[in-house]
Amino acid sequence: MLYNAFRHQVHSATTALSEEEARLPSEIELQSLWFGGAFGRDFTTTNGQPVRIVQFGEWNHAAGPDFLHAAVETGGTTLTGPLELDPHAGDWEAHGHAQNPAFREVILHVVFAPGRKTHFTRSCDGREIPCVVVPPDLIDEALNHPLHARADSKLGRCAKPLSELPASRVHDLLAEAARFRLARKGRHLQRLEDSHGFEEALWQSLARALGYGPNKLAMTLLGQRVPRRELRDLRTNAQREALLFGVAGFLSPSLPERADPEARHYLSTLWGNWWKLRPDHEPDQSRLLPWTFGGMRPSNHPHRRLAALAAASALWPRLARPAQHRSTAFLNRLRTRLVRLEHPFW
């Protein structure tokens, strides 16, 4: 394919990635990608044992391992329990997990950079914990390196080879690039559905789309931490909305008192529902979502985007059913319902 050949030509022009391109993303982004199935299900431990992720588990809101109630198959045995993810293999020791009883029951340690030294993952009672190093090619596919790096203001590596192509070939190249990106997004959605099922994949994808650039990661994390199955267990839409705003970190007991009169009743209702849910759902300070508030239009502010997600949650059965049919007519109906979302306050 023309586009694949072009990518190979451009990326082989330099012998090594720049420091910015080679740097792993933040730990919380790696956690989100992992939970979304971006790296797949099948791996090999550092001891050469195949391991398959049966259940990715649930996000831990408190201190301790990153994910709870995970399940993996390795060596003919199914293990269930917490799962810990670290960017580097040495982080297990550096973060004190080996001496921390909270990590005693971890069933799998997932890392992305093995390091130059040999590292062993052991619990506080000396038990060896299986460790997986995610292969570089899976990381590159999930992150779309090096295209994820921020572009410089100067001409990039594409400039020279593009200047040597006739206009018709550039047009063909751009068309192939569009198909390549579409296929990659399709693979991502397929992995997400394979990991969590259609309904949760739709919910997480909608949350991510509403993140709109600066808050895509934060909204994706919110969709992962507050899954549809948890929202279904609540009795009212007011409770569901309060759970979303509470886990997002946007609620406090003093908020209604400081609000304008027109907002006071709405915020009091939110807080009244949230404080009942708060003990089991409030995130630890180390797990707060990475929101961005500056440099955006009011309609793109995370409060309004989250309100849109809450409005979608209130109509969820009517949104999810058309999407399951995956035909053009049903998807058009889904699009119409999303465009017409309403909220009495927002």
C-alpha atoms as a PDB file:
ATOM      1  CA  MET A   1       0.000   0.000   0.000  1.00  0.00           C
ATOM      2  CA  LEU A   2       1.170   3.490  -0.831  1.00  0.00           C
ATOM      3  CA  TYR A   3       0.526   4.839   2.661  1.00  0.00           C
ATOM      4  CA  ASN A   4       2.368   1.999   4.425  1.00  0.00           C
ATOM      5  CA  ALA A   5       5.365   2.479   2.138  1.00  0.00           C
ATOM      6  CA  PHE A   6       5.289   6.211   2.814  1.00  0.00           C
ATOM      7  CA  ARG A   7       5.150   5.670   6.596  1.00  0.00           C
ATOM      8  CA  HIS A   8       8.102   3.305   6.404  1.00  0.00           C
ATOM      9  CA  GLN A   9      10.085   5.796   4.320  1.00  0.00           C
ATOM     10  CA  VAL A  10       9.372   8.670   6.704  1.00  0.00           C
ATOM     11  CA  HIS A  11       9.991   6.800   9.946  1.00  0.00           C
ATOM     12  CA  SER A  12      13.169   5.096   8.724  1.00  0.00           C
ATOM     13  CA  ALA A  13      14.657   8.469   7.871  1.00  0.00           C
ATOM     14  CA  THR A  14      15.795   8.808  11.471  1.00  0.00           C
ATOM     15  CA  THR A  15      17.615   6.058  13.314  1.00  0.00           C
ATOM     16  CA  ALA A  16      16.015   6.755  16.690  1.00  0.00           C
ATOM     17  CA  LEU A  17      12.971   8.448  18.074  1.00  0.00           C
ATOM     18  CA  SER A  18      13.443  11.788  19.726  1.00  0.00           C
ATOM     19  CA  GLU A  19      13.278  11.923  23.512  1.00  0.00           C
ATOM     20  CA  GLU A  20       9.714  13.254  23.448  1.00  0.00           C
ATOM     21  CA  GLU A  21       8.523  10.557  21.022  1.00  0.00           C
ATOM     22  CA  ALA A  22      10.195   7.748  22.970  1.00  0.00           C
ATOM     23  CA  ARG A  23       8.788   8.816  26.334  1.00  0.00           C
ATOM     24  CA  LEU A  24       5.921   6.753  27.664  1.00  0.00           C
ATOM     25  CA  PRO A  25       2.679   8.609  28.397  1.00  0.00           C
ATOM     26  CA  SER A  26       1.492   9.137  31.951  1.00  0.00           C
ATOM     27  CA  GLU A  27       0.733   6.140  34.108  1.00  0.00           C
ATOM     28  CA  ILE A  28      -2.961   6.995  34.231  1.00  0.00           C
ATOM     29  CA  GLU A  29      -3.155   7.045  30.414  1.00  0.00           C
ATOM     30  CA  LEU A  30      -1.446   3.648  30.251  1.00  0.00           C
ATOM     31  CA  GLN A  31      -3.948   2.360  32.812  1.00  0.00           C
ATOM     32  CA  SER A  32      -6.852   3.651  30.733  1.00  0.00           C
ATOM     33  CA  LEU A  33      -5.497   2.095  27.535  1.00  0.00           C
ATOM     34  CA  TRP A  34      -4.913  -1.206  29.321  1.00  0.00           C
ATOM     35  CA  PHE A  35      -8.411  -1.273  30.808  1.00  0.00           C
ATOM     36  CA  GLY A  36      -9.887  -0.466  27.393  1.00  0.00           C
ATOM     37  CA  GLY A  37      -8.172  -3.510  25.882  1.00  0.00           C
ATOM     38  CA  ALA A  38      -5.918  -1.420  23.619  1.00  0.00           C
ATOM     39  CA  PHE A  39      -3.019  -3.854  24.104  1.00  0.00           C
ATOM     40  CA  GLY A  40      -5.122  -6.999  23.689  1.00  0.00           C
ATOM     41  CA  ARG A  41      -5.708  -9.939  26.030  1.00  0.00           C
ATOM     42  CA  ASP A  42      -2.885 -12.390  25.329  1.00  0.00           C
ATOM     43  CA  PHE A  43       0.634 -11.921  26.665  1.00  0.00           C
ATOM     44  CA  THR A  44       3.695 -13.830  27.831  1.00  0.00           C
ATOM     45  CA  THR A  45       5.120 -13.473  31.326  1.00  0.00           C
ATOM     46  CA  THR A  46       8.795 -12.749  31.941  1.00  0.00           C
ATOM     47  CA  ASN A  47       9.100 -16.464  32.819  1.00  0.00           C
ATOM     48  CA  GLY A  48       7.844 -17.458  29.375  1.00  0.00           C
ATOM     49  CA  GLN A  49       4.347 -18.517  30.468  1.00  0.00           C
ATOM     50  CA  PRO A  50       1.361 -17.541  28.288  1.00  0.00           C
ATOM     51  CA  VAL A  51      -1.220 -15.461  30.132  1.00  0.00           C
ATOM     52  CA  ARG A  52      -4.683 -14.409  29.017  1.00  0.00           C
ATOM     53  CA  ILE A  53      -6.740 -11.623  30.564  1.00  0.00           C
ATOM     54  CA  VAL A  54     -10.187 -13.069  31.262  1.00  0.00           C
ATOM     55  CA  GLN A  55     -11.555 -10.048  33.139  1.00  0.00           C
ATOM     56  CA  PHE A  56      -9.893  -6.627  33.263  1.00  0.00           C
ATOM     57  CA  GLY A  57     -11.478  -6.065  36.666  1.00  0.00           C
ATOM     58  CA  GLU A  58     -12.676  -2.796  38.156  1.00  0.00           C
ATOM     59  CA  TRP A  59     -10.906   0.485  38.826  1.00  0.00           C
ATOM     60  CA  ASN A  60      -9.800   0.839  42.433  1.00  0.00           C
ATOM     61  CA  HIS A  61     -11.080   4.151  43.859  1.00  0.00           C
ATOM     62  CA  ALA A  62      -8.878   3.877  46.961  1.00  0.00           C
ATOM     63  CA  ALA A  63      -5.156   3.463  47.578  1.00  0.00           C
ATOM     64  CA  GLY A  64      -3.602   0.110  46.679  1.00  0.00           C
ATOM     65  CA  PRO A  65      -3.466  -1.901  43.429  1.00  0.00           C
ATOM     66  CA  ASP A  66      -4.834  -0.194  40.326  1.00  0.00           C
ATOM     67  CA  PHE A  67      -7.533  -2.751  39.465  1.00  0.00           C
ATOM     68  CA  LEU A  68      -9.612  -5.080  41.625  1.00  0.00           C
ATOM     69  CA  HIS A  69     -11.428  -8.343  40.837  1.00  0.00           C
ATOM     70  CA  ALA A  70      -9.376  -9.080  37.715  1.00  0.00           C
ATOM     71  CA  ALA A  71      -9.080 -12.627  36.360  1.00  0.00           C
ATOM     72  CA  VAL A  72      -6.232 -14.143  34.332  1.00  0.00           C
ATOM     73  CA  GLU A  73      -5.443 -17.599  32.985  1.00  0.00           C
ATOM     74  CA  THR A  74      -1.844 -18.797  33.168  1.00  0.00           C
ATOM     75  CA  GLY A  75      -0.258 -22.229  33.459  1.00  0.00           C
ATOM     76  CA  GLY A  76      -3.657 -23.914  33.204  1.00  0.00           C
ATOM     77  CA  THR A  77      -4.916 -22.033  36.261  1.00  0.00           C
ATOM     78  CA  THR A  78      -7.334 -19.129  36.617  1.00  0.00           C
ATOM     79  CA  LEU A  79      -6.196 -16.493  39.098  1.00  0.00           C
ATOM     80  CA  THR A  80      -8.546 -13.837  40.480  1.00  0.00           C
ATOM     81  CA  GLY A  81      -7.637 -10.734  42.446  1.00  0.00           C
ATOM     82  CA  PRO A  82      -5.987  -7.307  42.126  1.00  0.00           C
ATOM     83  CA  LEU A  83      -3.812  -6.255  39.192  1.00  0.00           C
ATOM     84  CA  GLU A  84      -1.074  -3.611  39.332  1.00  0.00           C
ATOM     85  CA  LEU A  85       0.205  -1.618  36.367  1.00  0.00           C
ATOM     86  CA  ASP A  86       3.485   0.340  36.358  1.00  0.00           C
ATOM     87  CA  PRO A  87       5.306   2.122  33.517  1.00  0.00           C
ATOM     88  CA  HIS A  88       8.679   0.580  34.474  1.00  0.00           C
ATOM     89  CA  ALA A  89       9.571  -2.808  35.940  1.00  0.00           C
ATOM     90  CA  GLY A  90      11.570  -1.191  38.747  1.00  0.00           C
ATOM     91  CA  ASP A  91       8.529   0.774  39.944  1.00  0.00           C
ATOM     92  CA  TRP A  92       7.315  -2.188  42.006  1.00  0.00           C
ATOM     93  CA  GLU A  93      10.277  -1.813  44.354  1.00  0.00           C
ATOM     94  CA  ALA A  94      10.595   1.962  43.945  1.00  0.00           C
ATOM     95  CA  HIS A  95       6.974   2.501  45.015  1.00  0.00           C
ATOM     96  CA  GLY A  96       7.294   0.165  48.001  1.00  0.00           C
ATOM     97  CA  HIS A  97       4.765  -2.388  46.764  1.00  0.00           C
ATOM     98  CA  ALA A  98       6.991  -5.297  47.816  1.00  0.00           C
ATOM     99  CA  GLN A  99       6.695  -4.256  51.480  1.00  0.00           C
ATOM    100  CA  ASN A 100       3.048  -3.141  51.343  1.00  0.00           C
ATOM    101  CA  PRO A 101       0.469  -5.695  52.588  1.00  0.00           C
ATOM    102  CA  ALA A 102      -2.156  -4.010  50.378  1.00  0.00           C
ATOM    103  CA  PHE A 103      -0.370  -5.557  47.369  1.00  0.00           C
ATOM    104  CA  ARG A 104      -0.045  -9.064  48.858  1.00  0.00           C
ATOM    105  CA  GLU A 105      -2.852 -10.556  46.751  1.00  0.00           C
ATOM    106  CA  VAL A 106      -1.840  -9.053  43.378  1.00  0.00           C
ATOM    107  CA  ILE A 107      -2.175 -11.721  40.671  1.00  0.00           C
ATOM    108  CA  LEU A 108      -0.382  -9.930  37.804  1.00  0.00           C
ATOM    109  CA  HIS A 109       2.105  -7.071  37.436  1.00  0.00           C
ATOM    110  CA  VAL A 110       1.950  -5.291  34.057  1.00  0.00           C
ATOM    111  CA  VAL A 111       4.835  -3.056  32.930  1.00  0.00           C
ATOM    112  CA  PHE A 112       5.784  -1.259  29.715  1.00  0.00           C
ATOM    113  CA  ALA A 113       9.553  -0.780  30.030  1.00  0.00           C
ATOM    114  CA  PRO A 114      11.620  -3.725  31.333  1.00  0.00           C
ATOM    115  CA  GLY A 115      14.695  -1.669  32.234  1.00  0.00           C
ATOM    116  CA  ARG A 116      18.331  -2.684  31.986  1.00  0.00           C
ATOM    117  CA  LYS A 117      18.397  -4.641  35.235  1.00  0.00           C
ATOM    118  CA  THR A 118      16.538  -7.866  35.921  1.00  0.00           C
ATOM    119  CA  HIS A 119      13.579  -7.234  38.216  1.00  0.00           C
ATOM    120  CA  PHE A 120      11.465  -9.707  40.153  1.00  0.00           C
ATOM    121  CA  THR A 121       7.960  -8.930  41.364  1.00  0.00           C
ATOM    122  CA  ARG A 122       7.436 -10.338  44.846  1.00  0.00           C
ATOM    123  CA  SER A 123       4.800  -9.766  47.506  1.00  0.00           C
ATOM    124  CA  CYS A 124       5.533  -8.810  51.105  1.00  0.00           C
ATOM    125  CA  ASP A 125       5.493 -12.511  52.065  1.00  0.00           C
ATOM    126  CA  GLY A 126       7.983 -13.443  49.334  1.00  0.00           C
ATOM    127  CA  ARG A 127       5.543 -14.884  46.768  1.00  0.00           C
ATOM    128  CA  GLU A 128       6.623 -14.371  43.164  1.00  0.00           C
ATOM    129  CA  ILE A 129       3.962 -12.510  41.185  1.00  0.00           C
ATOM    130  CA  PRO A 130       3.694 -13.129  37.414  1.00  0.00           C
ATOM    131  CA  CYS A 131       4.919 -10.137  35.432  1.00  0.00           C
ATOM    132  CA  VAL A 132       4.058  -9.129  31.870  1.00  0.00           C
ATOM    133  CA  VAL A 133       6.061  -6.664  29.783  1.00  0.00           C
ATOM    134  CA  VAL A 134       3.775  -5.214  27.097  1.00  0.00           C
ATOM    135  CA  PRO A 135       5.667  -5.539  23.769  1.00  0.00           C
ATOM    136  CA  PRO A 136       6.777  -2.313  22.038  1.00  0.00           C
ATOM    137  CA  ASP A 137       4.767  -3.025  18.883  1.00  0.00           C
ATOM    138  CA  LEU A 138       1.527  -3.162  20.896  1.00  0.00           C
ATOM    139  CA  ILE A 139       2.442   0.099  22.623  1.00  0.00           C
ATOM    140  CA  ASP A 140       3.183   1.764  19.277  1.00  0.00           C
ATOM    141  CA  GLU A 141      -0.130   0.585  17.827  1.00  0.00           C
ATOM    142  CA  ALA A 142      -2.106   1.830  20.828  1.00  0.00           C
ATOM    143  CA  LEU A 143      -0.317   5.184  21.026  1.00  0.00           C
ATOM    144  CA  ASN A 144       0.116   5.722  17.280  1.00  0.00           C
ATOM    145  CA  HIS A 145       3.764   6.697  17.749  1.00  0.00           C
ATOM    146  CA  PRO A 146       5.393   8.828  16.546  1.00  0.00           C
ATOM    147  CA  LEU A 147       2.352  10.712  15.248  1.00  0.00           C
ATOM    148  CA  HIS A 148       1.184  11.280  18.833  1.00  0.00           C
ATOM    149  CA  ALA A 149       4.116  13.583  19.529  1.00  0.00           C
ATOM    150  CA  ARG A 150       3.380  17.278  19.269  1.00  0.00           C
ATOM    151  CA  ALA A 151       4.384  18.727  15.902  1.00  0.00           C
ATOM    152  CA  ASP A 152       7.104  21.368  15.729  1.00  0.00           C
ATOM    153  CA  SER A 153       6.539  24.676  13.964  1.00  0.00           C
ATOM    154  CA  LYS A 154       9.186  23.734  11.391  1.00  0.00           C
ATOM    155  CA  LEU A 155       8.749  21.380   8.444  1.00  0.00           C
ATOM    156  CA  GLY A 156       8.559  17.741   9.443  1.00  0.00           C
ATOM    157  CA  ARG A 157       9.860  14.518   7.933  1.00  0.00           C
ATOM    158  CA  CYS A 158       6.879  14.306   5.564  1.00  0.00           C
ATOM    159  CA  ALA A 159       7.783  17.522   3.716  1.00  0.00           C
ATOM    160  CA  LYS A 160      10.532  16.232   1.420  1.00  0.00           C
ATOM    161  CA  PRO A 161       8.911  12.959   0.256  1.00  0.00           C
ATOM    162  CA  LEU A 162       5.578  14.742  -0.257  1.00  0.00           C
ATOM    163  CA  SER A 163       7.212  17.436  -2.380  1.00  0.00           C
ATOM    164  CA  GLU A 164       8.524  14.729  -4.725  1.00  0.00           C
ATOM    165  CA  LEU A 165       5.075  13.243  -5.408  1.00  0.00           C
ATOM    166  CA  PRO A 166       2.704  14.447  -8.150  1.00  0.00           C
ATOM    167  CA  ALA A 167      -0.631  15.882  -7.013  1.00  0.00           C
ATOM    168  CA  SER A 168      -2.537  12.741  -8.012  1.00  0.00           C
ATOM    169  CA  ARG A 169      -0.302  10.562  -5.837  1.00  0.00           C
ATOM    170  CA  VAL A 170      -0.673  12.943  -2.893  1.00  0.00           C
ATOM    171  CA  HIS A 171      -4.445  12.656  -3.280  1.00  0.00           C
ATOM    172  CA  ASP A 172      -4.200   8.841  -3.295  1.00  0.00           C
ATOM    173  CA  LEU A 173      -1.910   8.969  -0.271  1.00  0.00           C
ATOM    174  CA  LEU A 174      -4.350  11.099   1.715  1.00  0.00           C
ATOM    175  CA  ALA A 175      -7.231   8.783   0.804  1.00  0.00           C
ATOM    176  CA  GLU A 176      -5.227   5.761   1.993  1.00  0.00           C
ATOM    177  CA  ALA A 177      -4.246   7.630   5.163  1.00  0.00           C
ATOM    178  CA  ALA A 178      -7.933   8.212   5.913  1.00  0.00           C
ATOM    179  CA  ARG A 179      -8.713   4.511   5.405  1.00  0.00           C
ATOM    180  CA  PHE A 180      -5.729   3.593   7.592  1.00  0.00           C
ATOM    181  CA  ARG A 181      -6.962   5.811  10.431  1.00  0.00           C
ATOM    182  CA  LEU A 182     -10.512   4.479  10.077  1.00  0.00           C
ATOM    183  CA  ALA A 183      -9.276   0.879  10.207  1.00  0.00           C
ATOM    184  CA  ARG A 184      -7.167   1.643  13.276  1.00  0.00           C
ATOM    185  CA  LYS A 185     -10.165   3.189  15.042  1.00  0.00           C
ATOM    186  CA  GLY A 186     -12.190   0.131  14.077  1.00  0.00           C
ATOM    187  CA  ARG A 187      -9.588  -2.171  15.653  1.00  0.00           C
ATOM    188  CA  HIS A 188      -9.630  -0.062  18.817  1.00  0.00           C
ATOM    189  CA  LEU A 189     -13.427  -0.256  19.080  1.00  0.00           C
ATOM    190  CA  GLN A 190     -13.364  -3.998  18.412  1.00  0.00           C
ATOM    191  CA  ARG A 191     -10.844  -4.539  21.220  1.00  0.00           C
ATOM    192  CA  LEU A 192     -12.922  -2.364  23.522  1.00  0.00           C
ATOM    193  CA  GLU A 193     -16.059  -4.372  22.770  1.00  0.00           C
ATOM    194  CA  ASP A 194     -14.150  -7.641  23.162  1.00  0.00           C
ATOM    195  CA  SER A 195     -12.926  -6.477  26.571  1.00  0.00           C
ATOM    196  CA  HIS A 196     -16.166  -5.108  28.030  1.00  0.00           C
ATOM    197  CA  GLY A 197     -19.088  -5.931  25.738  1.00  0.00           C
ATOM    198  CA  PHE A 198     -21.044  -3.726  23.345  1.00  0.00           C
ATOM    199  CA  GLU A 199     -22.924  -1.580  25.866  1.00  0.00           C
ATOM    200  CA  GLU A 200     -19.860  -0.634  27.917  1.00  0.00           C
ATOM    201  CA  ALA A 201     -17.858  -0.008  24.735  1.00  0.00           C
ATOM    202  CA  LEU A 202     -20.554   2.382  23.502  1.00  0.00           C
ATOM    203  CA  TRP A 203     -20.690   4.140  26.883  1.00  0.00           C
ATOM    204  CA  GLN A 204     -16.914   4.590  27.118  1.00  0.00           C
ATOM    205  CA  SER A 205     -16.708   5.755  23.499  1.00  0.00           C
ATOM    206  CA  LEU A 206     -19.457   8.332  24.047  1.00  0.00           C
ATOM    207  CA  ALA A 207     -17.695   9.615  27.162  1.00  0.00           C
ATOM    208  CA  ARG A 208     -14.428   9.908  25.253  1.00  0.00           C
ATOM    209  CA  ALA A 209     -16.086  11.745  22.356  1.00  0.00           C
ATOM    210  CA  LEU A 210     -17.638  14.250  24.768  1.00  0.00           C
ATOM    211  CA  GLY A 211     -14.190  14.921  26.215  1.00  0.00           C
ATOM    212  CA  TYR A 212     -13.451  17.022  23.149  1.00  0.00           C
ATOM    213  CA  GLY A 213      -9.664  17.213  22.870  1.00  0.00           C
ATOM    214  CA  PRO A 214      -8.195  18.370  26.194  1.00  0.00           C
ATOM    215  CA  ASN A 215     -10.515  16.210  28.310  1.00  0.00           C
ATOM    216  CA  LYS A 216     -10.715  13.034  26.243  1.00  0.00           C
ATOM    217  CA  LEU A 217      -8.600  11.133  28.749  1.00  0.00           C
ATOM    218  CA  ALA A 218     -10.503  12.413  31.790  1.00  0.00           C
ATOM    219  CA  MET A 219     -13.890  11.596  30.247  1.00  0.00           C
ATOM    220  CA  THR A 220     -12.682   8.167  29.123  1.00  0.00           C
ATOM    221  CA  LEU A 221     -11.517   7.452  32.662  1.00  0.00           C
ATOM    222  CA  LEU A 222     -14.878   8.571  34.019  1.00  0.00           C
ATOM    223  CA  GLY A 223     -16.712   6.250  31.625  1.00  0.00           C
ATOM    224  CA  GLN A 224     -14.450   3.402  32.755  1.00  0.00           C
ATOM    225  CA  ARG A 225     -14.740   4.134  36.472  1.00  0.00           C
ATOM    226  CA  VAL A 226     -18.524   4.561  36.355  1.00  0.00           C
ATOM    227  CA  PRO A 227     -19.658   1.724  34.079  1.00  0.00           C
ATOM    228  CA  ARG A 228     -23.185   1.300  32.786  1.00  0.00           C
ATOM    229  CA  ARG A 229     -23.808  -1.760  34.956  1.00  0.00           C
ATOM    230  CA  GLU A 230     -23.163   0.374  38.055  1.00  0.00           C
ATOM    231  CA  LEU A 231     -25.485   3.125  36.853  1.00  0.00           C
ATOM    232  CA  ARG A 232     -28.228   0.572  36.153  1.00  0.00           C
ATOM    233  CA  ASP A 233     -28.160  -0.478  39.805  1.00  0.00           C
ATOM    234  CA  LEU A 234     -29.230   3.028  40.882  1.00  0.00           C
ATOM    235  CA  ARG A 235     -32.938   3.793  41.092  1.00  0.00           C
ATOM    236  CA  THR A 236     -33.150   7.339  39.704  1.00  0.00           C
ATOM    237  CA  ASN A 237     -31.496   9.507  37.068  1.00  0.00           C
ATOM    238  CA  ALA A 238     -30.732  12.050  39.801  1.00  0.00           C
ATOM    239  CA  GLN A 239     -28.607   9.431  41.571  1.00  0.00           C
ATOM    240  CA  ARG A 240     -26.850   8.523  38.328  1.00  0.00           C
ATOM    241  CA  GLU A 241     -26.051  12.154  37.584  1.00  0.00           C
ATOM    242  CA  ALA A 242     -24.769  12.672  41.130  1.00  0.00           C
ATOM    243  CA  LEU A 243     -22.518   9.622  40.825  1.00  0.00           C
ATOM    244  CA  LEU A 244     -20.996  10.947  37.602  1.00  0.00           C
ATOM    245  CA  PHE A 245     -20.370  14.443  38.975  1.00  0.00           C
ATOM    246  CA  GLY A 246     -19.111  13.042  42.282  1.00  0.00           C
ATOM    247  CA  VAL A 247     -16.604  10.587  40.802  1.00  0.00           C
ATOM    248  CA  ALA A 248     -15.506  13.374  38.453  1.00  0.00           C
ATOM    249  CA  GLY A 249     -14.534  15.351  41.562  1.00  0.00           C
ATOM    250  CA  PHE A 250     -16.847  18.297  40.891  1.00  0.00           C
ATOM    251  CA  LEU A 251     -18.945  18.203  44.088  1.00  0.00           C
ATOM    252  CA  SER A 252     -18.264  19.560  47.575  1.00  0.00           C
ATOM    253  CA  PRO A 253     -20.500  20.273  50.605  1.00  0.00           C
ATOM    254  CA  SER A 254     -19.952  24.031  50.340  1.00  0.00           C
ATOM    255  CA  LEU A 255     -20.821  24.223  46.639  1.00  0.00           C
ATOM    256  CA  PRO A 256     -24.607  24.815  47.054  1.00  0.00           C
ATOM    257  CA  GLU A 257     -23.994  27.543  49.644  1.00  0.00           C
ATOM    258  CA  ARG A 258     -21.667  29.449  47.317  1.00  0.00           C
ATOM    259  CA  ALA A 259     -23.894  29.106  44.249  1.00  0.00           C
ATOM    260  CA  ASP A 260     -26.290  31.606  42.730  1.00  0.00           C
ATOM    261  CA  PRO A 261     -29.929  31.172  43.815  1.00  0.00           C
ATOM    262  CA  GLU A 262     -30.938  29.669  40.456  1.00  0.00           C
ATOM    263  CA  ALA A 263     -28.258  26.950  40.775  1.00  0.00           C
ATOM    264  CA  ARG A 264     -28.608  26.293  44.506  1.00  0.00           C
ATOM    265  CA  HIS A 265     -31.490  23.818  44.307  1.00  0.00           C
ATOM    266  CA  TYR A 266     -29.845  21.823  41.507  1.00  0.00           C
ATOM    267  CA  LEU A 267     -26.501  21.603  43.330  1.00  0.00           C
ATOM    268  CA  SER A 268     -28.178  20.757  46.641  1.00  0.00           C
ATOM    269  CA  THR A 269     -29.946  17.850  44.955  1.00  0.00           C
ATOM    270  CA  LEU A 270     -26.681  16.660  43.421  1.00  0.00           C
ATOM    271  CA  TRP A 271     -24.887  16.797  46.755  1.00  0.00           C
ATOM    272  CA  GLY A 272     -27.788  15.193  48.612  1.00  0.00           C
ATOM    273  CA  ASN A 273     -27.573  12.157  46.335  1.00  0.00           C
ATOM    274  CA  TRP A 274     -23.772  12.087  46.191  1.00  0.00           C
ATOM    275  CA  TRP A 275     -23.103  12.038  49.927  1.00  0.00           C
ATOM    276  CA  LYS A 276     -25.006   8.750  50.198  1.00  0.00           C
ATOM    277  CA  LEU A 277     -22.917   7.229  47.386  1.00  0.00           C
ATOM    278  CA  ARG A 278     -19.684   8.919  48.400  1.00  0.00           C
ATOM    279  CA  PRO A 279     -18.267   6.333  50.878  1.00  0.00           C
ATOM    280  CA  ASP A 280     -18.051   3.618  48.207  1.00  0.00           C
ATOM    281  CA  HIS A 281     -17.124   5.779  45.220  1.00  0.00           C
ATOM    282  CA  GLU A 282     -15.108   8.854  46.169  1.00  0.00           C
ATOM    283  CA  PRO A 283     -11.670   8.581  44.541  1.00  0.00           C
ATOM    284  CA  ASP A 284      -8.495   8.753  46.590  1.00  0.00           C
ATOM    285  CA  GLN A 285      -6.460  11.946  46.138  1.00  0.00           C
ATOM    286  CA  SER A 286      -3.927   9.931  44.125  1.00  0.00           C
ATOM    287  CA  ARG A 287      -6.639   8.921  41.636  1.00  0.00           C
ATOM    288  CA  LEU A 288      -8.206  12.273  40.759  1.00  0.00           C
ATOM    289  CA  LEU A 289      -9.129  12.765  37.105  1.00  0.00           C
ATOM    290  CA  PRO A 290      -6.830  15.001  34.996  1.00  0.00           C
ATOM    291  CA  TRP A 291      -9.302  17.722  33.995  1.00  0.00           C
ATOM    292  CA  THR A 292      -8.382  20.739  31.865  1.00  0.00           C
ATOM    293  CA  PHE A 293     -10.477  23.882  32.374  1.00  0.00           C
ATOM    294  CA  GLY A 294      -8.692  26.709  30.571  1.00  0.00           C
ATOM    295  CA  GLY A 295      -8.512  27.749  26.932  1.00  0.00           C
ATOM    296  CA  MET A 296     -11.893  26.456  25.759  1.00  0.00           C
ATOM    297  CA  ARG A 297     -15.330  27.740  24.832  1.00  0.00           C
ATOM    298  CA  PRO A 298     -18.065  27.606  27.498  1.00  0.00           C
ATOM    299  CA  SER A 299     -19.891  24.860  25.591  1.00  0.00           C
ATOM    300  CA  ASN A 300     -16.780  22.678  25.808  1.00  0.00           C
ATOM    301  CA  HIS A 301     -16.253  23.166  29.558  1.00  0.00           C
ATOM    302  CA  PRO A 302     -16.062  19.765  31.301  1.00  0.00           C
ATOM    303  CA  HIS A 303     -19.063  20.595  33.518  1.00  0.00           C
ATOM    304  CA  ARG A 304     -21.288  21.018  30.454  1.00  0.00           C
ATOM    305  CA  ARG A 305     -19.788  18.003  28.696  1.00  0.00           C
ATOM    306  CA  LEU A 306     -20.418  15.893  31.772  1.00  0.00           C
ATOM    307  CA  ALA A 307     -23.990  17.188  31.926  1.00  0.00           C
ATOM    308  CA  ALA A 308     -24.431  15.957  28.343  1.00  0.00           C
ATOM    309  CA  LEU A 309     -23.157  12.527  29.387  1.00  0.00           C
ATOM    310  CA  ALA A 310     -25.632  12.526  32.282  1.00  0.00           C
ATOM    311  CA  ALA A 311     -28.444  13.457  29.875  1.00  0.00           C
ATOM    312  CA  ALA A 312     -27.402  10.575  27.616  1.00  0.00           C
ATOM    313  CA  SER A 313     -27.424   8.255  30.618  1.00  0.00           C
ATOM    314  CA  ALA A 314     -31.020   9.268  31.387  1.00  0.00           C
ATOM    315  CA  LEU A 315     -32.059   8.157  27.882  1.00  0.00           C
ATOM    316  CA  TRP A 316     -29.677   5.222  27.663  1.00  0.00           C
ATOM    317  CA  PRO A 317     -32.041   2.421  26.566  1.00  0.00           C
ATOM    318  CA  ARG A 318     -33.298   4.614  23.693  1.00  0.00           C
ATOM    319  CA  LEU A 319     -29.698   5.363  22.673  1.00  0.00           C
ATOM    320  CA  ALA A 320     -28.174   1.915  23.012  1.00  0.00           C
ATOM    321  CA  ARG A 321     -30.870  -0.022  21.144  1.00  0.00           C
ATOM    322  CA  PRO A 322     -30.429   1.797  17.795  1.00  0.00           C
ATOM    323  CA  ALA A 323     -26.652   1.482  18.016  1.00  0.00           C
ATOM    324  CA  GLN A 324     -26.839  -2.300  18.393  1.00  0.00           C
ATOM    325  CA  HIS A 325     -28.452  -2.654  14.957  1.00  0.00           C
ATOM    326  CA  ARG A 326     -25.473  -0.911  13.307  1.00  0.00           C
ATOM    327  CA  SER A 327     -27.416  -0.051  10.164  1.00  0.00           C
ATOM    328  CA  THR A 328     -27.358   3.412   8.602  1.00  0.00           C
ATOM    329  CA  ALA A 329     -31.009   4.112   9.453  1.00  0.00           C
ATOM    330  CA  PHE A 330     -30.618   3.144  13.095  1.00  0.00           C
ATOM    331  CA  LEU A 331     -27.342   5.047  13.439  1.00  0.00           C
ATOM    332  CA  ASN A 332     -29.005   8.134  11.982  1.00  0.00           C
ATOM    333  CA  ARG A 333     -31.699   7.764  14.629  1.00  0.00           C
ATOM    334  CA  LEU A 334     -29.006   7.538  17.302  1.00  0.00           C
ATOM    335  CA  ARG A 335     -27.327  10.664  15.949  1.00  0.00           C
ATOM    336  CA  THR A 336     -30.631  12.567  16.002  1.00  0.00           C
ATOM    337  CA  ARG A 337     -31.282  11.613  19.620  1.00  0.00           C
ATOM    338  CA  LEU A 338     -27.787  12.657  20.664  1.00  0.00           C
ATOM    339  CA  VAL A 339     -28.127  16.032  18.952  1.00  0.00           C
ATOM    340  CA  ARG A 340     -31.436  16.640  20.752  1.00  0.00           C
ATOM    341  CA  LEU A 341     -30.188  15.867  24.254  1.00  0.00           C
ATOM    342  CA  GLU A 342     -31.680  18.213  26.836  1.00  0.00           C
ATOM    343  CA  HIS A 343     -31.051  18.966  30.502  1.00  0.00           C
ATOM    344  CA  PRO A 344     -33.393  21.106  32.648  1.00  0.00           C
ATOM    345  CA  PHE A 345     -30.518  22.993  34.289  1.00  0.00           C
ATOM    346  CA  TRP A 346     -27.743  23.000  31.700  1.00  0.00           C
END
